[in-house]
Amino acid sequence: MATREKNIWILLVFILSGLVVGGLLGEFASRIDWLWWLSYNQKFGLETPITLDFSVLKITFAMMFKISVSSIIGMVLAIFIYKKI
């Protein structure tokens, strides 16, 4: 059971790193004319943060996702590399 949990955490790290690296490459690709499509993205999440004020404690929630074509390619590539290892 411990090895399965370890593998799931490693897979999550691979997927997140693929998303981040893919997103960075998409930003760089946006400066090249024929690679503009890699930087095409969609944003979703909370535009304005939600704030809970309890007088003593103030909590603010905000989350925004920006998924691009290159980050999806990076995620798929990370899963492929994970399966090969």
PDB file of N, CA and C in Angstrom:
ATOM      1  N   MET A   1       0.815  -1.189   0.000  1.00  0.00           N
ATOM      2  CA  MET A   1       0.000   0.000   0.000  1.00  0.00           C
ATOM      3  C   MET A   1       0.864   1.259   0.000  1.00  0.00           C
ATOM      4  N   ALA A   2       1.970   1.237   0.696  1.00  0.00           N
ATOM      5  CA  ALA A   2       2.834   2.412   0.779  1.00  0.00           C
ATOM      6  C   ALA A   2       3.443   2.747  -0.581  1.00  0.00           C
ATOM      7  N   THR A   3       3.778   1.729  -1.375  1.00  0.00           N
ATOM      8  CA  THR A   3       4.375   2.010  -2.680  1.00  0.00           C
ATOM      9  C   THR A   3       3.358   2.623  -3.628  1.00  0.00           C
ATOM     10  N   ARG A   4       2.099   2.210  -3.518  1.00  0.00           N
ATOM     11  CA  ARG A   4       1.063   2.797  -4.375  1.00  0.00           C
ATOM     12  C   ARG A   4       0.861   4.272  -4.046  1.00  0.00           C
ATOM     13  N   GLU A   5       0.818   4.618  -2.752  1.00  0.00           N
ATOM     14  CA  GLU A   5       0.679   6.013  -2.358  1.00  0.00           C
ATOM     15  C   GLU A   5       1.877   6.832  -2.817  1.00  0.00           C
ATOM     16  N   LYS A   6       3.045   6.251  -2.724  1.00  0.00           N
ATOM     17  CA  LYS A   6       4.249   6.943  -3.163  1.00  0.00           C
ATOM     18  C   LYS A   6       4.169   7.205  -4.660  1.00  0.00           C
ATOM     19  N   ASN A   7       3.695   6.229  -5.417  1.00  0.00           N
ATOM     20  CA  ASN A   7       3.592   6.399  -6.849  1.00  0.00           C
ATOM     21  C   ASN A   7       2.583   7.480  -7.220  1.00  0.00           C
ATOM     22  N   ILE A   8       1.508   7.588  -6.479  1.00  0.00           N
ATOM     23  CA  ILE A   8       0.514   8.618  -6.754  1.00  0.00           C
ATOM     24  C   ILE A   8       1.108   9.999  -6.501  1.00  0.00           C
ATOM     25  N   TRP A   9       1.886  10.161  -5.435  1.00  0.00           N
ATOM     26  CA  TRP A   9       2.504  11.446  -5.153  1.00  0.00           C
ATOM     27  C   TRP A   9       3.537  11.806  -6.213  1.00  0.00           C
ATOM     28  N   ILE A  10       4.289  10.827  -6.651  1.00  0.00           N
ATOM     29  CA  ILE A  10       5.266  11.076  -7.708  1.00  0.00           C
ATOM     30  C   ILE A  10       4.555  11.462  -8.996  1.00  0.00           C
ATOM     31  N   LEU A  11       3.455  10.798  -9.298  1.00  0.00           N
ATOM     32  CA  LEU A  11       2.677  11.141 -10.486  1.00  0.00           C
ATOM     33  C   LEU A  11       2.155  12.574 -10.392  1.00  0.00           C
ATOM     34  N   LEU A  12       1.656  12.987  -9.232  1.00  0.00           N
ATOM     35  CA  LEU A  12       1.174  14.355  -9.061  1.00  0.00           C
ATOM     36  C   LEU A  12       2.294  15.377  -9.254  1.00  0.00           C
ATOM     37  N   VAL A  13       3.483  15.061  -8.752  1.00  0.00           N
ATOM     38  CA  VAL A  13       4.628  15.954  -8.942  1.00  0.00           C
ATOM     39  C   VAL A  13       4.972  16.048 -10.427  1.00  0.00           C
ATOM     40  N   PHE A  14       4.953  14.928 -11.127  1.00  0.00           N
ATOM     41  CA  PHE A  14       5.233  14.926 -12.561  1.00  0.00           C
ATOM     42  C   PHE A  14       4.202  15.764 -13.310  1.00  0.00           C
ATOM     43  N   ILE A  15       2.933  15.603 -12.984  1.00  0.00           N
ATOM     44  CA  ILE A  15       1.874  16.336 -13.678  1.00  0.00           C
ATOM     45  C   ILE A  15       2.002  17.836 -13.414  1.00  0.00           C
ATOM     46  N   LEU A  16       2.207  18.223 -12.157  1.00  0.00           N
ATOM     47  CA  LEU A  16       2.341  19.642 -11.836  1.00  0.00           C
ATOM     48  C   LEU A  16       3.570  20.258 -12.498  1.00  0.00           C
ATOM     49  N   SER A  17       4.673  19.528 -12.516  1.00  0.00           N
ATOM     50  CA  SER A  17       5.866  20.063 -13.169  1.00  0.00           C
ATOM     51  C   SER A  17       5.640  20.169 -14.676  1.00  0.00           C
ATOM     52  N   GLY A  18       4.908  19.235 -15.261  1.00  0.00           N
ATOM     53  CA  GLY A  18       4.586  19.330 -16.683  1.00  0.00           C
ATOM     54  C   GLY A  18       3.711  20.530 -16.988  1.00  0.00           C
ATOM     55  N   LEU A  19       2.761  20.821 -16.097  1.00  0.00           N
ATOM     56  CA  LEU A  19       1.907  21.999 -16.279  1.00  0.00           C
ATOM     57  C   LEU A  19       2.712  23.291 -16.188  1.00  0.00           C
ATOM     58  N   VAL A  20       3.593  23.367 -15.201  1.00  0.00           N
ATOM     59  CA  VAL A  20       4.379  24.586 -15.004  1.00  0.00           C
ATOM     60  C   VAL A  20       5.371  24.794 -16.147  1.00  0.00           C
ATOM     61  N   VAL A  21       6.122  23.759 -16.492  1.00  0.00           N
ATOM     62  CA  VAL A  21       7.104  23.879 -17.573  1.00  0.00           C
ATOM     63  C   VAL A  21       6.402  24.140 -18.901  1.00  0.00           C
ATOM     64  N   GLY A  22       5.291  23.466 -19.136  1.00  0.00           N
ATOM     65  CA  GLY A  22       4.532  23.709 -20.360  1.00  0.00           C
ATOM     66  C   GLY A  22       4.002  25.127 -20.424  1.00  0.00           C
ATOM     67  N   GLY A  23       3.539  25.655 -19.311  1.00  0.00           N
ATOM     68  CA  GLY A  23       3.057  27.030 -19.266  1.00  0.00           C
ATOM     69  C   GLY A  23       4.159  28.032 -19.545  1.00  0.00           C
ATOM     70  N   LEU A  24       5.339  27.794 -18.975  1.00  0.00           N
ATOM     71  CA  LEU A  24       6.481  28.674 -19.233  1.00  0.00           C
ATOM     72  C   LEU A  24       6.903  28.633 -20.703  1.00  0.00           C
ATOM     73  N   LEU A  25       6.939  27.433 -21.261  1.00  0.00           N
ATOM     74  CA  LEU A  25       7.294  27.310 -22.674  1.00  0.00           C
ATOM     75  C   LEU A  25       6.248  27.976 -23.563  1.00  0.00           C
ATOM     76  N   GLY A  26       4.988  27.919 -23.157  1.00  0.00           N
ATOM     77  CA  GLY A  26       3.930  28.593 -23.907  1.00  0.00           C
ATOM     78  C   GLY A  26       4.097  30.100 -23.887  1.00  0.00           C
ATOM     79  N   GLU A  27       4.519  30.641 -22.749  1.00  0.00           N
ATOM     80  CA  GLU A  27       4.771  32.084 -22.675  1.00  0.00           C
ATOM     81  C   GLU A  27       5.922  32.480 -23.598  1.00  0.00           C
ATOM     82  N   PHE A  28       6.975  31.678 -23.622  1.00  0.00           N
ATOM     83  CA  PHE A  28       8.092  31.973 -24.522  1.00  0.00           C
ATOM     84  C   PHE A  28       7.687  31.791 -25.988  1.00  0.00           C
ATOM     85  N   ALA A  29       6.846  30.808 -26.260  1.00  0.00           N
ATOM     86  CA  ALA A  29       6.411  30.536 -27.630  1.00  0.00           C
ATOM     87  C   ALA A  29       5.497  31.633 -28.162  1.00  0.00           C
ATOM     88  N   SER A  30       4.871  32.390 -27.288  1.00  0.00           N
ATOM     89  CA  SER A  30       3.974  33.457 -27.744  1.00  0.00           C
ATOM     90  C   SER A  30       4.734  34.563 -28.472  1.00  0.00           C
ATOM     91  N   ARG A  31       6.037  34.649 -28.266  1.00  0.00           N
ATOM     92  CA  ARG A  31       6.857  35.665 -28.932  1.00  0.00           C
ATOM     93  C   ARG A  31       7.281  35.238 -30.323  1.00  0.00           C
ATOM     94  N   ILE A  32       7.056  33.976 -30.681  1.00  0.00           N
ATOM     95  CA  ILE A  32       7.414  33.462 -32.008  1.00  0.00           C
ATOM     96  C   ILE A  32       6.138  33.373 -32.829  1.00  0.00           C
ATOM     97  N   ASP A  33       6.166  33.976 -34.015  1.00  0.00           N
ATOM     98  CA  ASP A  33       4.951  34.100 -34.826  1.00  0.00           C
ATOM     99  C   ASP A  33       4.286  32.773 -35.130  1.00  0.00           C
ATOM    100  N   TRP A  34       5.025  31.774 -35.562  1.00  0.00           N
ATOM    101  CA  TRP A  34       4.402  30.525 -35.988  1.00  0.00           C
ATOM    102  C   TRP A  34       4.114  29.564 -34.837  1.00  0.00           C
ATOM    103  N   LEU A  35       4.450  29.931 -33.600  1.00  0.00           N
ATOM    104  CA  LEU A  35       4.122  29.110 -32.420  1.00  0.00           C
ATOM    105  C   LEU A  35       3.092  29.779 -31.516  1.00  0.00           C
ATOM    106  N   TRP A  36       2.353  30.758 -32.021  1.00  0.00           N
ATOM    107  CA  TRP A  36       1.376  31.493 -31.218  1.00  0.00           C
ATOM    108  C   TRP A  36       0.329  30.567 -30.613  1.00  0.00           C
ATOM    109  N   TRP A  37      -0.025  29.482 -31.309  1.00  0.00           N
ATOM    110  CA  TRP A  37      -1.093  28.596 -30.868  1.00  0.00           C
ATOM    111  C   TRP A  37      -0.731  27.857 -29.580  1.00  0.00           C
ATOM    112  N   LEU A  38       0.557  27.729 -29.266  1.00  0.00           N
ATOM    113  CA  LEU A  38       0.949  27.078 -28.009  1.00  0.00           C
ATOM    114  C   LEU A  38       0.600  27.927 -26.794  1.00  0.00           C
ATOM    115  N   SER A  39       0.492  29.233 -26.986  1.00  0.00           N
ATOM    116  CA  SER A  39       0.198  30.111 -25.857  1.00  0.00           C
ATOM    117  C   SER A  39      -1.300  30.394 -25.716  1.00  0.00           C
ATOM    118  N   TYR A  40      -2.133  29.817 -26.570  1.00  0.00           N
ATOM    119  CA  TYR A  40      -3.578  30.008 -26.436  1.00  0.00           C
ATOM    120  C   TYR A  40      -4.015  29.412 -25.101  1.00  0.00           C
ATOM    121  N   ASN A  41      -4.713  30.214 -24.288  1.00  0.00           N
ATOM    122  CA  ASN A  41      -5.055  29.746 -22.942  1.00  0.00           C
ATOM    123  C   ASN A  41      -6.485  30.116 -22.588  1.00  0.00           C
ATOM    124  N   GLN A  42      -6.947  29.498 -21.533  1.00  0.00           N
ATOM    125  CA  GLN A  42      -8.266  29.764 -20.973  1.00  0.00           C
ATOM    126  C   GLN A  42      -8.106  29.935 -19.473  1.00  0.00           C
ATOM    127  N   LYS A  43      -8.707  30.978 -18.920  1.00  0.00           N
ATOM    128  CA  LYS A  43      -8.645  31.237 -17.483  1.00  0.00           C
ATOM    129  C   LYS A  43      -9.996  30.925 -16.868  1.00  0.00           C
ATOM    130  N   PHE A  44      -9.969  30.307 -15.698  1.00  0.00           N
ATOM    131  CA  PHE A  44     -11.191  30.099 -14.945  1.00  0.00           C
ATOM    132  C   PHE A  44     -10.872  30.086 -13.460  1.00  0.00           C
ATOM    133  N   GLY A  45     -11.830  30.498 -12.681  1.00  0.00           N
ATOM    134  CA  GLY A  45     -11.653  30.584 -11.240  1.00  0.00           C
ATOM    135  C   GLY A  45     -12.392  31.785 -10.695  1.00  0.00           C
ATOM    136  N   LEU A  46     -11.965  32.257  -9.544  1.00  0.00           N
ATOM    137  CA  LEU A  46     -12.579  33.419  -8.903  1.00  0.00           C
ATOM    138  C   LEU A  46     -11.871  34.683  -9.366  1.00  0.00           C
ATOM    139  N   GLU A  47     -12.604  35.593 -10.004  1.00  0.00           N
ATOM    140  CA  GLU A  47     -12.024  36.875 -10.430  1.00  0.00           C
ATOM    141  C   GLU A  47     -11.715  37.754  -9.221  1.00  0.00           C
ATOM    142  N   THR A  48     -12.682  37.879  -8.324  1.00  0.00           N
ATOM    143  CA  THR A  48     -12.464  38.676  -7.115  1.00  0.00           C
ATOM    144  C   THR A  48     -12.398  37.728  -5.919  1.00  0.00           C
ATOM    145  N   PRO A  49     -11.460  37.945  -5.026  1.00  0.00           N
ATOM    146  CA  PRO A  49     -11.333  37.051  -3.872  1.00  0.00           C
ATOM    147  C   PRO A  49     -12.525  37.144  -2.925  1.00  0.00           C
ATOM    148  N   ILE A  50     -12.805  36.046  -2.269  1.00  0.00           N
ATOM    149  CA  ILE A  50     -13.855  35.979  -1.250  1.00  0.00           C
ATOM    150  C   ILE A  50     -13.185  36.166   0.109  1.00  0.00           C
ATOM    151  N   THR A  51     -13.708  37.090   0.897  1.00  0.00           N
ATOM    152  CA  THR A  51     -13.119  37.383   2.202  1.00  0.00           C
ATOM    153  C   THR A  51     -14.124  37.075   3.303  1.00  0.00           C
ATOM    154  N   LEU A  52     -13.674  36.300   4.281  1.00  0.00           N
ATOM    155  CA  LEU A  52     -14.461  36.024   5.481  1.00  0.00           C
ATOM    156  C   LEU A  52     -13.833  36.799   6.634  1.00  0.00           C
ATOM    157  N   ASP A  53     -14.597  37.693   7.230  1.00  0.00           N
ATOM    158  CA  ASP A  53     -14.089  38.516   8.319  1.00  0.00           C
ATOM    159  C   ASP A  53     -14.785  38.112   9.617  1.00  0.00           C
ATOM    160  N   PHE A  54     -14.018  37.547  10.536  1.00  0.00           N
ATOM    161  CA  PHE A  54     -14.542  37.107  11.829  1.00  0.00           C
ATOM    162  C   PHE A  54     -14.125  38.045  12.961  1.00  0.00           C
ATOM    163  N   SER A  55     -13.786  39.267  12.653  1.00  0.00           N
ATOM    164  CA  SER A  55     -13.331  40.260  13.626  1.00  0.00           C
ATOM    165  C   SER A  55     -11.929  39.952  14.149  1.00  0.00           C
ATOM    166  N   VAL A  56     -11.734  38.767  14.616  1.00  0.00           N
ATOM    167  CA  VAL A  56     -10.437  38.366  15.142  1.00  0.00           C
ATOM    168  C   VAL A  56      -9.566  37.771  14.041  1.00  0.00           C
ATOM    169  N   LEU A  57     -10.214  37.127  13.100  1.00  0.00           N
ATOM    170  CA  LEU A  57      -9.517  36.416  12.030  1.00  0.00           C
ATOM    171  C   LEU A  57     -10.137  36.809  10.692  1.00  0.00           C
ATOM    172  N   LYS A  58      -9.296  37.110   9.725  1.00  0.00           N
ATOM    173  CA  LYS A  58      -9.763  37.473   8.394  1.00  0.00           C
ATOM    174  C   LYS A  58      -9.136  36.503   7.394  1.00  0.00           C
ATOM    175  N   ILE A  59      -9.978  35.794   6.639  1.00  0.00           N
ATOM    176  CA  ILE A  59      -9.515  34.784   5.689  1.00  0.00           C
ATOM    177  C   ILE A  59      -9.940  35.201   4.286  1.00  0.00           C
ATOM    178  N   THR A  60      -9.011  35.134   3.354  1.00  0.00           N
ATOM    179  CA  THR A  60      -9.295  35.484   1.966  1.00  0.00           C
ATOM    180  C   THR A  60      -9.024  34.274   1.087  1.00  0.00           C
ATOM    181  N   PHE A  61     -10.004  33.920   0.245  1.00  0.00           N
ATOM    182  CA  PHE A  61      -9.886  32.809  -0.686  1.00  0.00           C
ATOM    183  C   PHE A  61      -9.852  33.356  -2.115  1.00  0.00           C
ATOM    184  N   ALA A  62      -8.904  32.888  -2.888  1.00  0.00           N
ATOM    185  CA  ALA A  62      -8.843  33.244  -4.306  1.00  0.00           C
ATOM    186  C   ALA A  62      -8.106  32.129  -5.036  1.00  0.00           C
ATOM    187  N   MET A  63      -8.614  31.758  -6.189  1.00  0.00           N
ATOM    188  CA  MET A  63      -7.965  30.722  -6.985  1.00  0.00           C
ATOM    189  C   MET A  63      -8.258  30.984  -8.457  1.00  0.00           C
ATOM    190  N   MET A  64      -7.218  30.976  -9.282  1.00  0.00           N
ATOM    191  CA  MET A  64      -7.372  31.199 -10.709  1.00  0.00           C
ATOM    192  C   MET A  64      -6.493  30.184 -11.441  1.00  0.00           C
ATOM    193  N   PHE A  65      -7.081  29.494 -12.386  1.00  0.00           N
ATOM    194  CA  PHE A  65      -6.350  28.544 -13.216  1.00  0.00           C
ATOM    195  C   PHE A  65      -6.190  29.130 -14.607  1.00  0.00           C
ATOM    196  N   LYS A  66      -5.012  28.971 -15.175  1.00  0.00           N
ATOM    197  CA  LYS A  66      -4.740  29.413 -16.536  1.00  0.00           C
ATOM    198  C   LYS A  66      -4.134  28.215 -17.278  1.00  0.00           C
ATOM    199  N   ILE A  67      -4.960  27.559 -18.055  1.00  0.00           N
ATOM    200  CA  ILE A  67      -4.543  26.354 -18.773  1.00  0.00           C
ATOM    201  C   ILE A  67      -4.295  26.730 -20.231  1.00  0.00           C
ATOM    202  N   SER A  68      -3.109  26.395 -20.740  1.00  0.00           N
ATOM    203  CA  SER A  68      -2.779  26.669 -22.131  1.00  0.00           C
ATOM    204  C   SER A  68      -2.543  25.360 -22.878  1.00  0.00           C
ATOM    205  N   VAL A  69      -2.463  25.479 -24.185  1.00  0.00           N
ATOM    206  CA  VAL A  69      -2.213  24.297 -25.016  1.00  0.00           C
ATOM    207  C   VAL A  69      -0.872  23.675 -24.645  1.00  0.00           C
ATOM    208  N   SER A  70       0.136  24.505 -24.435  1.00  0.00           N
ATOM    209  CA  SER A  70       1.457  23.979 -24.103  1.00  0.00           C
ATOM    210  C   SER A  70       1.468  23.309 -22.725  1.00  0.00           C
ATOM    211  N   SER A  71       0.682  23.792 -21.770  1.00  0.00           N
ATOM    212  CA  SER A  71       0.658  23.125 -20.462  1.00  0.00           C
ATOM    213  C   SER A  71      -0.064  21.787 -20.539  1.00  0.00           C
ATOM    214  N   ILE A  72      -1.057  21.659 -21.414  1.00  0.00           N
ATOM    215  CA  ILE A  72      -1.704  20.362 -21.614  1.00  0.00           C
ATOM    216  C   ILE A  72      -0.726  19.388 -22.260  1.00  0.00           C
ATOM    217  N   ILE A  73       0.037  19.867 -23.244  1.00  0.00           N
ATOM    218  CA  ILE A  73       1.060  19.019 -23.876  1.00  0.00           C
ATOM    219  C   ILE A  73       2.103  18.607 -22.833  1.00  0.00           C
ATOM    220  N   GLY A  74       2.513  19.531 -21.972  1.00  0.00           N
ATOM    221  CA  GLY A  74       3.480  19.218 -20.919  1.00  0.00           C
ATOM    222  C   GLY A  74       2.948  18.192 -19.939  1.00  0.00           C
ATOM    223  N   MET A  75       1.668  18.291 -19.604  1.00  0.00           N
ATOM    224  CA  MET A  75       1.058  17.330 -18.681  1.00  0.00           C
ATOM    225  C   MET A  75       1.003  15.939 -19.318  1.00  0.00           C
ATOM    226  N   VAL A  76       0.608  15.859 -20.578  1.00  0.00           N
ATOM    227  CA  VAL A  76       0.550  14.566 -21.267  1.00  0.00           C
ATOM    228  C   VAL A  76       1.948  13.973 -21.386  1.00  0.00           C
ATOM    229  N   LEU A  77       2.931  14.802 -21.699  1.00  0.00           N
ATOM    230  CA  LEU A  77       4.313  14.332 -21.787  1.00  0.00           C
ATOM    231  C   LEU A  77       4.821  13.846 -20.431  1.00  0.00           C
ATOM    232  N   ALA A  78       4.450  14.520 -19.348  1.00  0.00           N
ATOM    233  CA  ALA A  78       4.860  14.095 -18.003  1.00  0.00           C
ATOM    234  C   ALA A  78       4.248  12.751 -17.647  1.00  0.00           C
ATOM    235  N   ILE A  79       2.985  12.528 -17.994  1.00  0.00           N
ATOM    236  CA  ILE A  79       2.345  11.231 -17.736  1.00  0.00           C
ATOM    237  C   ILE A  79       3.027  10.141 -18.553  1.00  0.00           C
ATOM    238  N   PHE A  80       3.367  10.439 -19.800  1.00  0.00           N
ATOM    239  CA  PHE A  80       4.059   9.470 -20.651  1.00  0.00           C
ATOM    240  C   PHE A  80       5.425   9.103 -20.067  1.00  0.00           C
ATOM    241  N   ILE A  81       6.178  10.108 -19.602  1.00  0.00           N
ATOM    242  CA  ILE A  81       7.484   9.832 -18.994  1.00  0.00           C
ATOM    243  C   ILE A  81       7.325   9.040 -17.714  1.00  0.00           C
ATOM    244  N   TYR A  82       6.320   9.364 -16.906  1.00  0.00           N
ATOM    245  CA  TYR A  82       6.067   8.627 -15.665  1.00  0.00           C
ATOM    246  C   TYR A  82       5.778   7.155 -15.951  1.00  0.00           C
ATOM    247  N   LYS A  83       4.995   6.886 -16.969  1.00  0.00           N
ATOM    248  CA  LYS A  83       4.664   5.494 -17.288  1.00  0.00           C
ATOM    249  C   LYS A  83       5.876   4.723 -17.791  1.00  0.00           C
ATOM    250  N   LYS A  84       6.817   5.423 -18.438  1.00  0.00           N
ATOM    251  CA  LYS A  84       8.040   4.764 -18.933  1.00  0.00           C
ATOM    252  C   LYS A  84       9.032   4.461 -17.817  1.00  0.00           C
ATOM    253  N   ILE A  85       8.957   5.210 -16.729  1.00  0.00           N
ATOM    254  CA  ILE A  85       9.929   5.021 -15.617  1.00  0.00           C
ATOM    255  C   ILE A  85       9.499   3.852 -14.765  1.00  0.00           C
TER     256      ILE A  85
END
